[in-house]
Amino acid sequence: MKVLITPRGFATYGLADVARLESKGFKVIYNDTGVAYTTSELLELAKDAKGIIVGVDDLSKEVLQQLPDLQAICKFGVGVDNIDLDYTKEKKIAVGRTVGSNSLSVAEHVVAMMFMDAKNLYTSVHEVKQGKWNKPTGYEIQEKKLGIIGFGMIGKHLARIANGLGMEVYANDVVGISKEDKENYQVKEVERDTILSTCDYVSLHIPLLPETRHSISTREFKMMKTSACLLNAARGGVVDEEALYEALIHKEIRSACFDVFSVEPPNVHEPLLKLDNFLLTPHTASRTVEAETRTCKMTTDFMLENIQRRS
């Protein structure tokens, strides 16, 4: 039985889990090349595979149709928008996610982006290294209003940290927020539009679905405060990036900090990348030693449980 592992983190943080699979009789192929597999490489390596542990690799219907032996897929993370779930359901392929494995890491990254924005850290580091000694004036985080759209595990961690920083925390979730969660995480539940129109920082934590694609666009930017900062560590597609560009150049909002993009990596000629008030990181919010280690274990557990049970 073969398992293909595409995420490169396994080569550093998951070797003990590779050994666990091998001890159960699995032939394991993991990515130690340092670069992502192309789709053609993935298809070649996944021939006869019973399971795939996958990152952001394309597992569309067209790809999955060429892997008839597949029994289980586990996402090295949470978002499964790169997997054709209709096809996996039709073919009875088990699909898992590592919910909670990297939630804290992502929440901490969002806080880091807030500070990077508020304290002008990127600009200051860059300029000092160029021999410049400018002293830009920033903002305090305390008493600012943080709005969290999507109150899952990441949102809850973010609320807890933000409360510790003395922020006012507001939240919205399509399924509502329980009284217990509102009390435990000290958040005020409000409508999404209220968050957009009143908060200083708006942080997105929603999945990319047909109904959420471009759910932040021109209308939403016009609602936001001109002093607001938009934070996105969810999925790039939930924000209309052309509308974001217009909002930033026309100062409808003050700034934006993104860890995700509609196309990754973004084209170096993308207009957004030229803006000083657009800060970005390369989809690394979940990349910490602790999160990678937890995710390796959880994906391995899923493979063992789902392939062995069906074999």
C-alpha atoms as a PDB file:
ATOM      1  CA  MET A   1       0.000   0.000   0.000  1.00  0.00           C
ATOM      2  CA  LYS A   2       1.370   3.368  -1.050  1.00  0.00           C
ATOM      3  CA  VAL A   3       0.887   6.792   0.534  1.00  0.00           C
ATOM      4  CA  LEU A   4       2.084   9.959  -1.195  1.00  0.00           C
ATOM      5  CA  ILE A   5       2.882  12.985   0.968  1.00  0.00           C
ATOM      6  CA  THR A   6       3.208  16.258  -0.947  1.00  0.00           C
ATOM      7  CA  PRO A   7       3.726  18.911   1.804  1.00  0.00           C
ATOM      8  CA  ARG A   8       7.419  19.689   2.176  1.00  0.00           C
ATOM      9  CA  GLY A   9       7.137  20.109   5.944  1.00  0.00           C
ATOM     10  CA  PHE A  10       6.984  16.337   6.385  1.00  0.00           C
ATOM     11  CA  ALA A  11      10.660  16.025   5.432  1.00  0.00           C
ATOM     12  CA  THR A  12      11.577  18.119   8.478  1.00  0.00           C
ATOM     13  CA  TYR A  13       8.803  17.622  11.014  1.00  0.00           C
ATOM     14  CA  GLY A  14       7.123  14.370  10.043  1.00  0.00           C
ATOM     15  CA  LEU A  15       9.811  11.722   9.757  1.00  0.00           C
ATOM     16  CA  ALA A  16       8.582   9.984  12.913  1.00  0.00           C
ATOM     17  CA  ASP A  17       5.145   9.817  11.313  1.00  0.00           C
ATOM     18  CA  VAL A  18       6.612   8.478   8.076  1.00  0.00           C
ATOM     19  CA  ALA A  19       8.193   5.747  10.198  1.00  0.00           C
ATOM     20  CA  ARG A  20       4.795   5.022  11.773  1.00  0.00           C
ATOM     21  CA  LEU A  21       3.279   4.474   8.350  1.00  0.00           C
ATOM     22  CA  GLU A  22       6.178   2.316   7.230  1.00  0.00           C
ATOM     23  CA  SER A  23       5.914   0.185  10.367  1.00  0.00           C
ATOM     24  CA  LYS A  24       2.323  -0.622   9.339  1.00  0.00           C
ATOM     25  CA  GLY A  25       3.437  -1.846   5.933  1.00  0.00           C
ATOM     26  CA  PHE A  26       2.939   1.303   3.880  1.00  0.00           C
ATOM     27  CA  LYS A  27       5.303   2.383   1.138  1.00  0.00           C
ATOM     28  CA  VAL A  28       5.707   6.110   1.757  1.00  0.00           C
ATOM     29  CA  ILE A  29       6.834   8.708  -0.754  1.00  0.00           C
ATOM     30  CA  TYR A  30       7.348  12.157   0.754  1.00  0.00           C
ATOM     31  CA  ASN A  31       8.533  15.389  -0.766  1.00  0.00           C
ATOM     32  CA  ASP A  32      12.114  16.137   0.277  1.00  0.00           C
ATOM     33  CA  THR A  33      12.949  18.137  -2.857  1.00  0.00           C
ATOM     34  CA  GLY A  34      12.343  21.541  -1.298  1.00  0.00           C
ATOM     35  CA  VAL A  35       9.974  22.539  -4.105  1.00  0.00           C
ATOM     36  CA  ALA A  36       6.309  21.811  -4.743  1.00  0.00           C
ATOM     37  CA  TYR A  37       5.388  18.974  -7.076  1.00  0.00           C
ATOM     38  CA  THR A  38       3.897  19.828 -10.438  1.00  0.00           C
ATOM     39  CA  THR A  39       0.601  18.145 -11.280  1.00  0.00           C
ATOM     40  CA  SER A  40       2.352  15.779 -13.682  1.00  0.00           C
ATOM     41  CA  GLU A  41       4.890  14.846 -10.992  1.00  0.00           C
ATOM     42  CA  LEU A  42       2.097  14.271  -8.480  1.00  0.00           C
ATOM     43  CA  LEU A  43       0.260  11.983 -10.901  1.00  0.00           C
ATOM     44  CA  GLU A  44       3.379   9.969 -11.602  1.00  0.00           C
ATOM     45  CA  LEU A  45       4.266   9.558  -7.925  1.00  0.00           C
ATOM     46  CA  ALA A  46       0.676   8.806  -6.908  1.00  0.00           C
ATOM     47  CA  LYS A  47       0.222   5.863  -9.263  1.00  0.00           C
ATOM     48  CA  ASP A  48      -1.344   2.979  -7.283  1.00  0.00           C
ATOM     49  CA  ALA A  49      -1.457   5.135  -4.132  1.00  0.00           C
ATOM     50  CA  LYS A  50      -4.120   4.306  -1.573  1.00  0.00           C
ATOM     51  CA  GLY A  51      -3.726   7.637   0.180  1.00  0.00           C
ATOM     52  CA  ILE A  52      -2.466  11.172  -0.382  1.00  0.00           C
ATOM     53  CA  ILE A  53      -1.571  13.759   2.225  1.00  0.00           C
ATOM     54  CA  VAL A  54      -1.933  16.989   0.293  1.00  0.00           C
ATOM     55  CA  GLY A  55      -1.194  20.670   0.708  1.00  0.00           C
ATOM     56  CA  VAL A  56      -2.457  23.140  -1.882  1.00  0.00           C
ATOM     57  CA  ASP A  57      -1.879  20.743  -4.789  1.00  0.00           C
ATOM     58  CA  ASP A  58      -4.623  20.463  -7.399  1.00  0.00           C
ATOM     59  CA  LEU A  59      -6.886  17.492  -6.726  1.00  0.00           C
ATOM     60  CA  SER A  60      -9.584  18.428  -9.205  1.00  0.00           C
ATOM     61  CA  LYS A  61     -11.836  15.825 -10.786  1.00  0.00           C
ATOM     62  CA  GLU A  62      -9.509  15.687 -13.792  1.00  0.00           C
ATOM     63  CA  VAL A  63      -6.605  14.748 -11.534  1.00  0.00           C
ATOM     64  CA  LEU A  64      -8.520  12.373  -9.270  1.00  0.00           C
ATOM     65  CA  GLN A  65      -9.928  10.451 -12.234  1.00  0.00           C
ATOM     66  CA  GLN A  66      -6.379   9.335 -12.971  1.00  0.00           C
ATOM     67  CA  LEU A  67      -5.943   7.864  -9.473  1.00  0.00           C
ATOM     68  CA  PRO A  68      -8.451   4.987  -9.363  1.00  0.00           C
ATOM     69  CA  ASP A  69      -6.868   3.243  -6.356  1.00  0.00           C
ATOM     70  CA  LEU A  70      -7.225   6.228  -4.055  1.00  0.00           C
ATOM     71  CA  GLN A  71      -9.080   5.550  -0.800  1.00  0.00           C
ATOM     72  CA  ALA A  72      -8.161   8.499   1.419  1.00  0.00           C
ATOM     73  CA  ILE A  73      -7.069  12.131   1.116  1.00  0.00           C
ATOM     74  CA  CYS A  74      -6.069  14.257   4.078  1.00  0.00           C
ATOM     75  CA  LYS A  75      -5.492  17.983   3.786  1.00  0.00           C
ATOM     76  CA  PHE A  76      -2.352  19.267   5.503  1.00  0.00           C
ATOM     77  CA  GLY A  77      -4.409  22.123   6.907  1.00  0.00           C
ATOM     78  CA  VAL A  78      -8.072  23.066   6.847  1.00  0.00           C
ATOM     79  CA  GLY A  79      -9.186  24.563   3.521  1.00  0.00           C
ATOM     80  CA  VAL A  80     -10.230  21.920   0.996  1.00  0.00           C
ATOM     81  CA  ASP A  81     -11.066  24.200  -1.935  1.00  0.00           C
ATOM     82  CA  ASN A  82      -8.327  22.461  -3.974  1.00  0.00           C
ATOM     83  CA  ILE A  83     -10.105  19.083  -3.684  1.00  0.00           C
ATOM     84  CA  ASP A  84     -13.172  18.138  -5.743  1.00  0.00           C
ATOM     85  CA  LEU A  85     -15.432  17.059  -2.899  1.00  0.00           C
ATOM     86  CA  ASP A  86     -18.301  16.073  -5.189  1.00  0.00           C
ATOM     87  CA  TYR A  87     -16.051  13.584  -6.944  1.00  0.00           C
ATOM     88  CA  THR A  88     -14.570  12.177  -3.742  1.00  0.00           C
ATOM     89  CA  LYS A  89     -18.073  11.692  -2.365  1.00  0.00           C
ATOM     90  CA  GLU A  90     -19.179   9.934  -5.539  1.00  0.00           C
ATOM     91  CA  LYS A  91     -16.167   7.602  -5.421  1.00  0.00           C
ATOM     92  CA  LYS A  92     -16.375   7.131  -1.639  1.00  0.00           C
ATOM     93  CA  ILE A  93     -12.875   8.522  -1.090  1.00  0.00           C
ATOM     94  CA  ALA A  94     -12.451   9.536   2.551  1.00  0.00           C
ATOM     95  CA  VAL A  95     -11.419  13.193   2.939  1.00  0.00           C
ATOM     96  CA  GLY A  96      -9.979  14.585   6.154  1.00  0.00           C
ATOM     97  CA  ARG A  97      -8.776  17.947   7.446  1.00  0.00           C
ATOM     98  CA  THR A  98      -6.514  18.807  10.345  1.00  0.00           C
ATOM     99  CA  VAL A  99      -8.921  21.135  12.092  1.00  0.00           C
ATOM    100  CA  GLY A 100      -7.232  22.869  15.006  1.00  0.00           C
ATOM    101  CA  SER A 101      -3.683  21.811  14.213  1.00  0.00           C
ATOM    102  CA  ASN A 102      -2.563  25.279  13.126  1.00  0.00           C
ATOM    103  CA  SER A 103      -5.301  27.543  14.517  1.00  0.00           C
ATOM    104  CA  LEU A 104      -3.103  29.178  17.141  1.00  0.00           C
ATOM    105  CA  SER A 105      -0.286  29.752  14.660  1.00  0.00           C
ATOM    106  CA  VAL A 106      -2.627  31.497  12.226  1.00  0.00           C
ATOM    107  CA  ALA A 107      -4.139  33.652  14.970  1.00  0.00           C
ATOM    108  CA  GLU A 108      -0.683  34.707  16.167  1.00  0.00           C
ATOM    109  CA  HIS A 109       0.272  35.556  12.582  1.00  0.00           C
ATOM    110  CA  VAL A 110      -2.759  37.824  12.269  1.00  0.00           C
ATOM    111  CA  VAL A 111      -1.697  39.630  15.440  1.00  0.00           C
ATOM    112  CA  ALA A 112       1.820  39.954  14.016  1.00  0.00           C
ATOM    113  CA  MET A 113       0.376  41.508  10.852  1.00  0.00           C
ATOM    114  CA  MET A 114      -1.608  43.970  12.966  1.00  0.00           C
ATOM    115  CA  PHE A 115       1.564  45.071  14.727  1.00  0.00           C
ATOM    116  CA  MET A 116       3.524  45.163  11.471  1.00  0.00           C
ATOM    117  CA  ASP A 117       0.891  47.541  10.137  1.00  0.00           C
ATOM    118  CA  ALA A 118       0.299  49.634  13.261  1.00  0.00           C
ATOM    119  CA  LYS A 119       3.981  50.169  14.053  1.00  0.00           C
ATOM    120  CA  ASN A 120       5.237  50.575  10.451  1.00  0.00           C
ATOM    121  CA  LEU A 121       7.662  47.720  11.073  1.00  0.00           C
ATOM    122  CA  TYR A 122       8.180  46.663   7.460  1.00  0.00           C
ATOM    123  CA  THR A 123       8.922  50.197   6.291  1.00  0.00           C
ATOM    124  CA  SER A 124      11.205  50.920   9.234  1.00  0.00           C
ATOM    125  CA  VAL A 125      13.295  47.756   8.851  1.00  0.00           C
ATOM    126  CA  HIS A 126      13.627  48.291   5.107  1.00  0.00           C
ATOM    127  CA  GLU A 127      14.618  51.954   5.418  1.00  0.00           C
ATOM    128  CA  VAL A 128      17.128  51.517   8.245  1.00  0.00           C
ATOM    129  CA  LYS A 129      18.911  48.835   6.199  1.00  0.00           C
ATOM    130  CA  GLN A 130      19.119  51.388   3.387  1.00  0.00           C
ATOM    131  CA  GLY A 131      20.792  53.885   5.693  1.00  0.00           C
ATOM    132  CA  LYS A 132      17.676  55.979   6.241  1.00  0.00           C
ATOM    133  CA  TRP A 133      16.702  57.133   9.735  1.00  0.00           C
ATOM    134  CA  ASN A 134      13.082  58.123   9.272  1.00  0.00           C
ATOM    135  CA  LYS A 135      10.764  57.808  12.253  1.00  0.00           C
ATOM    136  CA  PRO A 136       7.203  57.107  11.084  1.00  0.00           C
ATOM    137  CA  THR A 137       4.405  57.565  13.586  1.00  0.00           C
ATOM    138  CA  GLY A 138       2.278  54.505  14.240  1.00  0.00           C
ATOM    139  CA  TYR A 139      -0.804  53.559  16.216  1.00  0.00           C
ATOM    140  CA  GLU A 140      -1.492  51.861  19.528  1.00  0.00           C
ATOM    141  CA  ILE A 141      -3.413  48.587  19.398  1.00  0.00           C
ATOM    142  CA  GLN A 142      -5.059  48.945  22.803  1.00  0.00           C
ATOM    143  CA  GLU A 143      -8.688  50.114  22.707  1.00  0.00           C
ATOM    144  CA  LYS A 144      -8.899  49.647  18.948  1.00  0.00           C
ATOM    145  CA  LYS A 145     -11.896  47.714  17.639  1.00  0.00           C
ATOM    146  CA  LEU A 146     -11.180  44.307  16.099  1.00  0.00           C
ATOM    147  CA  GLY A 147     -13.883  42.651  14.018  1.00  0.00           C
ATOM    148  CA  ILE A 148     -13.608  38.921  13.361  1.00  0.00           C
ATOM    149  CA  ILE A 149     -15.634  37.553  10.449  1.00  0.00           C
ATOM    150  CA  GLY A 150     -15.796  33.786  10.893  1.00  0.00           C
ATOM    151  CA  PHE A 151     -15.649  32.670  14.516  1.00  0.00           C
ATOM    152  CA  GLY A 152     -14.123  29.213  14.297  1.00  0.00           C
ATOM    153  CA  MET A 153     -11.047  28.006  16.148  1.00  0.00           C
ATOM    154  CA  ILE A 154      -8.759  30.629  14.609  1.00  0.00           C
ATOM    155  CA  GLY A 155     -11.227  33.381  15.399  1.00  0.00           C
ATOM    156  CA  LYS A 156     -11.508  32.200  18.988  1.00  0.00           C
ATOM    157  CA  HIS A 157      -7.724  32.185  19.476  1.00  0.00           C
ATOM    158  CA  LEU A 158      -7.536  35.638  17.911  1.00  0.00           C
ATOM    159  CA  ALA A 159     -10.250  36.977  20.213  1.00  0.00           C
ATOM    160  CA  ARG A 160      -8.457  35.642  23.283  1.00  0.00           C
ATOM    161  CA  ILE A 161      -5.165  37.274  22.281  1.00  0.00           C
ATOM    162  CA  ALA A 162      -6.839  40.540  21.285  1.00  0.00           C
ATOM    163  CA  ASN A 163      -8.615  40.773  24.623  1.00  0.00           C
ATOM    164  CA  GLY A 164      -5.247  40.421  26.316  1.00  0.00           C
ATOM    165  CA  LEU A 165      -4.051  43.393  24.274  1.00  0.00           C
ATOM    166  CA  GLY A 166      -6.946  45.505  25.484  1.00  0.00           C
ATOM    167  CA  MET A 167      -8.833  45.577  22.189  1.00  0.00           C
ATOM    168  CA  GLU A 168     -12.609  45.706  21.823  1.00  0.00           C
ATOM    169  CA  VAL A 169     -13.557  42.484  20.043  1.00  0.00           C
ATOM    170  CA  TYR A 170     -16.576  42.004  17.794  1.00  0.00           C
ATOM    171  CA  ALA A 171     -17.440  38.842  15.877  1.00  0.00           C
ATOM    172  CA  ASN A 172     -19.815  37.419  13.318  1.00  0.00           C
ATOM    173  CA  ASP A 173     -20.389  33.887  12.095  1.00  0.00           C
ATOM    174  CA  VAL A 174     -22.973  32.557   9.654  1.00  0.00           C
ATOM    175  CA  VAL A 175     -24.093  29.899  12.155  1.00  0.00           C
ATOM    176  CA  GLY A 176     -24.219  32.327  15.065  1.00  0.00           C
ATOM    177  CA  ILE A 177     -22.102  32.454  18.208  1.00  0.00           C
ATOM    178  CA  SER A 178     -23.191  30.673  21.362  1.00  0.00           C
ATOM    179  CA  LYS A 179     -23.760  32.533  24.606  1.00  0.00           C
ATOM    180  CA  GLU A 180     -20.980  30.445  26.149  1.00  0.00           C
ATOM    181  CA  ASP A 181     -18.474  31.424  23.461  1.00  0.00           C
ATOM    182  CA  LYS A 182     -19.428  35.094  23.726  1.00  0.00           C
ATOM    183  CA  GLU A 183     -18.756  34.961  27.452  1.00  0.00           C
ATOM    184  CA  ASN A 184     -15.611  32.807  27.285  1.00  0.00           C
ATOM    185  CA  TYR A 185     -13.958  34.860  24.539  1.00  0.00           C
ATOM    186  CA  GLN A 186     -15.363  38.247  25.581  1.00  0.00           C
ATOM    187  CA  VAL A 187     -16.779  39.111  22.173  1.00  0.00           C
ATOM    188  CA  LYS A 188     -19.804  41.089  21.112  1.00  0.00           C
ATOM    189  CA  GLU A 189     -21.793  39.355  18.362  1.00  0.00           C
ATOM    190  CA  VAL A 190     -22.849  41.822  15.670  1.00  0.00           C
ATOM    191  CA  GLU A 191     -23.880  41.804  12.015  1.00  0.00           C
ATOM    192  CA  ARG A 192     -21.115  41.544   9.423  1.00  0.00           C
ATOM    193  CA  ASP A 193     -21.921  45.012   8.085  1.00  0.00           C
ATOM    194  CA  THR A 194     -21.569  46.443  11.585  1.00  0.00           C
ATOM    195  CA  ILE A 195     -18.057  45.013  11.784  1.00  0.00           C
ATOM    196  CA  LEU A 196     -17.194  46.473   8.403  1.00  0.00           C
ATOM    197  CA  SER A 197     -18.517  49.939   9.213  1.00  0.00           C
ATOM    198  CA  THR A 198     -17.219  50.334  12.772  1.00  0.00           C
ATOM    199  CA  CYS A 199     -14.035  48.308  13.322  1.00  0.00           C
ATOM    200  CA  ASP A 200     -10.453  49.522  13.028  1.00  0.00           C
ATOM    201  CA  TYR A 201      -9.180  46.048  12.114  1.00  0.00           C
ATOM    202  CA  VAL A 202     -11.295  43.556  10.174  1.00  0.00           C
ATOM    203  CA  SER A 203      -9.948  39.996  10.135  1.00  0.00           C
ATOM    204  CA  LEU A 204     -11.345  37.373   7.744  1.00  0.00           C
ATOM    205  CA  HIS A 205     -11.607  33.723   8.775  1.00  0.00           C
ATOM    206  CA  ILE A 206     -14.125  32.223   6.380  1.00  0.00           C
ATOM    207  CA  PRO A 207     -13.767  29.339   3.903  1.00  0.00           C
ATOM    208  CA  LEU A 208     -13.671  29.878   0.156  1.00  0.00           C
ATOM    209  CA  LEU A 209     -17.053  28.718  -1.145  1.00  0.00           C
ATOM    210  CA  PRO A 210     -19.140  29.839  -4.129  1.00  0.00           C
ATOM    211  CA  GLU A 211     -21.160  32.058  -1.793  1.00  0.00           C
ATOM    212  CA  THR A 212     -18.072  33.604  -0.147  1.00  0.00           C
ATOM    213  CA  ARG A 213     -16.015  34.282  -3.281  1.00  0.00           C
ATOM    214  CA  HIS A 214     -15.473  38.051  -3.555  1.00  0.00           C
ATOM    215  CA  SER A 215     -17.745  38.548  -0.550  1.00  0.00           C
ATOM    216  CA  ILE A 216     -15.493  41.491   0.318  1.00  0.00           C
ATOM    217  CA  SER A 217     -15.686  43.826  -2.666  1.00  0.00           C
ATOM    218  CA  THR A 218     -16.513  47.411  -3.644  1.00  0.00           C
ATOM    219  CA  ARG A 219     -19.658  47.658  -1.511  1.00  0.00           C
ATOM    220  CA  GLU A 220     -17.844  46.428   1.580  1.00  0.00           C
ATOM    221  CA  PHE A 221     -14.825  48.713   1.127  1.00  0.00           C
ATOM    222  CA  LYS A 222     -17.069  51.740   0.824  1.00  0.00           C
ATOM    223  CA  MET A 223     -18.636  50.795   4.163  1.00  0.00           C
ATOM    224  CA  MET A 224     -15.323  50.578   6.013  1.00  0.00           C
ATOM    225  CA  LYS A 225     -13.639  53.355   7.961  1.00  0.00           C
ATOM    226  CA  THR A 226     -10.972  55.240   6.047  1.00  0.00           C
ATOM    227  CA  SER A 227      -8.630  54.426   8.945  1.00  0.00           C
ATOM    228  CA  ALA A 228      -9.393  50.677   8.805  1.00  0.00           C
ATOM    229  CA  CYS A 229      -7.024  47.816   8.050  1.00  0.00           C
ATOM    230  CA  LEU A 230      -8.228  44.600   6.372  1.00  0.00           C
ATOM    231  CA  LEU A 231      -6.512  41.367   7.471  1.00  0.00           C
ATOM    232  CA  ASN A 232      -6.833  38.183   5.422  1.00  0.00           C
ATOM    233  CA  ALA A 233      -5.313  34.877   6.501  1.00  0.00           C
ATOM    234  CA  ALA A 234      -8.238  32.827   5.182  1.00  0.00           C
ATOM    235  CA  ARG A 235      -8.347  32.440   1.390  1.00  0.00           C
ATOM    236  CA  GLY A 236      -7.432  34.967  -1.267  1.00  0.00           C
ATOM    237  CA  GLY A 237     -10.584  34.426  -3.274  1.00  0.00           C
ATOM    238  CA  VAL A 238     -12.890  35.758  -0.569  1.00  0.00           C
ATOM    239  CA  VAL A 239     -11.637  39.264  -1.389  1.00  0.00           C
ATOM    240  CA  ASP A 240     -12.065  40.949  -4.765  1.00  0.00           C
ATOM    241  CA  GLU A 241      -8.446  41.986  -5.258  1.00  0.00           C
ATOM    242  CA  GLU A 242      -9.222  44.495  -8.007  1.00  0.00           C
ATOM    243  CA  ALA A 243     -11.697  46.218  -5.706  1.00  0.00           C
ATOM    244  CA  LEU A 244      -9.115  46.090  -2.900  1.00  0.00           C
ATOM    245  CA  TYR A 245      -6.571  47.828  -5.126  1.00  0.00           C
ATOM    246  CA  GLU A 246      -9.045  50.600  -5.903  1.00  0.00           C
ATOM    247  CA  ALA A 247      -9.934  50.961  -2.220  1.00  0.00           C
ATOM    248  CA  LEU A 248      -6.270  51.286  -1.252  1.00  0.00           C
ATOM    249  CA  ILE A 249      -5.223  53.757  -3.924  1.00  0.00           C
ATOM    250  CA  HIS A 250      -8.284  55.921  -3.291  1.00  0.00           C
ATOM    251  CA  LYS A 251      -7.741  55.674   0.480  1.00  0.00           C
ATOM    252  CA  GLU A 252     -11.177  54.216   1.144  1.00  0.00           C
ATOM    253  CA  ILE A 253      -9.323  52.102   3.721  1.00  0.00           C
ATOM    254  CA  ARG A 254      -5.932  52.811   5.266  1.00  0.00           C
ATOM    255  CA  SER A 255      -4.209  49.490   4.634  1.00  0.00           C
ATOM    256  CA  ALA A 256      -4.453  45.741   4.131  1.00  0.00           C
ATOM    257  CA  CYS A 257      -2.329  42.812   5.313  1.00  0.00           C
ATOM    258  CA  PHE A 258      -2.681  39.509   3.441  1.00  0.00           C
ATOM    259  CA  ASP A 259      -1.158  36.053   3.839  1.00  0.00           C
ATOM    260  CA  VAL A 260      -3.255  34.594   1.006  1.00  0.00           C
ATOM    261  CA  PHE A 261      -3.979  35.468  -2.615  1.00  0.00           C
ATOM    262  CA  SER A 262      -6.384  34.409  -5.337  1.00  0.00           C
ATOM    263  CA  VAL A 263      -3.398  33.127  -7.329  1.00  0.00           C
ATOM    264  CA  GLU A 264      -0.371  31.854  -5.432  1.00  0.00           C
ATOM    265  CA  PRO A 265       2.307  32.926  -5.770  1.00  0.00           C
ATOM    266  CA  PRO A 266       0.986  36.267  -7.028  1.00  0.00           C
ATOM    267  CA  ASN A 267       2.388  37.685 -10.238  1.00  0.00           C
ATOM    268  CA  VAL A 268       5.266  40.052  -9.460  1.00  0.00           C
ATOM    269  CA  HIS A 269       3.605  42.607 -11.741  1.00  0.00           C
ATOM    270  CA  GLU A 270       0.355  42.493  -9.745  1.00  0.00           C
ATOM    271  CA  PRO A 271      -0.564  46.152  -9.028  1.00  0.00           C
ATOM    272  CA  LEU A 272      -1.333  45.397  -5.370  1.00  0.00           C
ATOM    273  CA  LEU A 273       2.272  44.400  -4.781  1.00  0.00           C
ATOM    274  CA  LYS A 274       3.435  47.901  -5.702  1.00  0.00           C
ATOM    275  CA  LEU A 275       1.452  49.609  -2.941  1.00  0.00           C
ATOM    276  CA  ASP A 276       3.116  50.713   0.299  1.00  0.00           C
ATOM    277  CA  ASN A 277      -0.124  50.241   2.224  1.00  0.00           C
ATOM    278  CA  PHE A 278      -0.465  46.591   1.192  1.00  0.00           C
ATOM    279  CA  LEU A 279       1.599  44.227   3.341  1.00  0.00           C
ATOM    280  CA  LEU A 280       1.914  40.569   2.483  1.00  0.00           C
ATOM    281  CA  THR A 281       3.424  37.260   3.556  1.00  0.00           C
ATOM    282  CA  PRO A 282       3.728  34.068   1.446  1.00  0.00           C
ATOM    283  CA  HIS A 283       0.895  31.954   2.930  1.00  0.00           C
ATOM    284  CA  THR A 284       2.983  31.160   5.997  1.00  0.00           C
ATOM    285  CA  ALA A 285       0.518  31.914   8.798  1.00  0.00           C
ATOM    286  CA  SER A 286       0.268  28.232   9.661  1.00  0.00           C
ATOM    287  CA  ARG A 287       3.991  27.527   9.314  1.00  0.00           C
ATOM    288  CA  THR A 288       5.374  27.058  12.808  1.00  0.00           C
ATOM    289  CA  VAL A 289       7.334  24.134  14.212  1.00  0.00           C
ATOM    290  CA  GLU A 290       4.519  23.296  16.600  1.00  0.00           C
ATOM    291  CA  ALA A 291       1.758  23.469  13.995  1.00  0.00           C
ATOM    292  CA  GLU A 292       3.713  21.481  11.418  1.00  0.00           C
ATOM    293  CA  THR A 293       4.414  18.747  13.972  1.00  0.00           C
ATOM    294  CA  ARG A 294       0.764  18.523  15.023  1.00  0.00           C
ATOM    295  CA  THR A 295      -0.406  18.483  11.420  1.00  0.00           C
ATOM    296  CA  CYS A 296       1.989  15.690  10.459  1.00  0.00           C
ATOM    297  CA  LYS A 297       0.633  13.558  13.295  1.00  0.00           C
ATOM    298  CA  MET A 298      -3.025  14.261  12.523  1.00  0.00           C
ATOM    299  CA  THR A 299      -2.712  13.516   8.800  1.00  0.00           C
ATOM    300  CA  THR A 300      -0.852  10.294   9.548  1.00  0.00           C
ATOM    301  CA  ASP A 301      -3.533   9.231  12.027  1.00  0.00           C
ATOM    302  CA  PHE A 302      -6.156   9.818   9.337  1.00  0.00           C
ATOM    303  CA  MET A 303      -4.300   7.661   6.826  1.00  0.00           C
ATOM    304  CA  LEU A 304      -3.912   4.811   9.297  1.00  0.00           C
ATOM    305  CA  GLU A 305      -7.553   4.931  10.353  1.00  0.00           C
ATOM    306  CA  ASN A 306      -9.085   5.207   6.896  1.00  0.00           C
ATOM    307  CA  ILE A 307      -6.885   3.059   4.675  1.00  0.00           C
ATOM    308  CA  GLN A 308      -6.376   0.169   7.085  1.00  0.00           C
ATOM    309  CA  ARG A 309     -10.085   0.033   7.856  1.00  0.00           C
ATOM    310  CA  ARG A 310     -10.933  -0.415   4.181  1.00  0.00           C
ATOM    311  CA  SER A 311      -8.095  -2.770   3.242  1.00  0.00           C
END
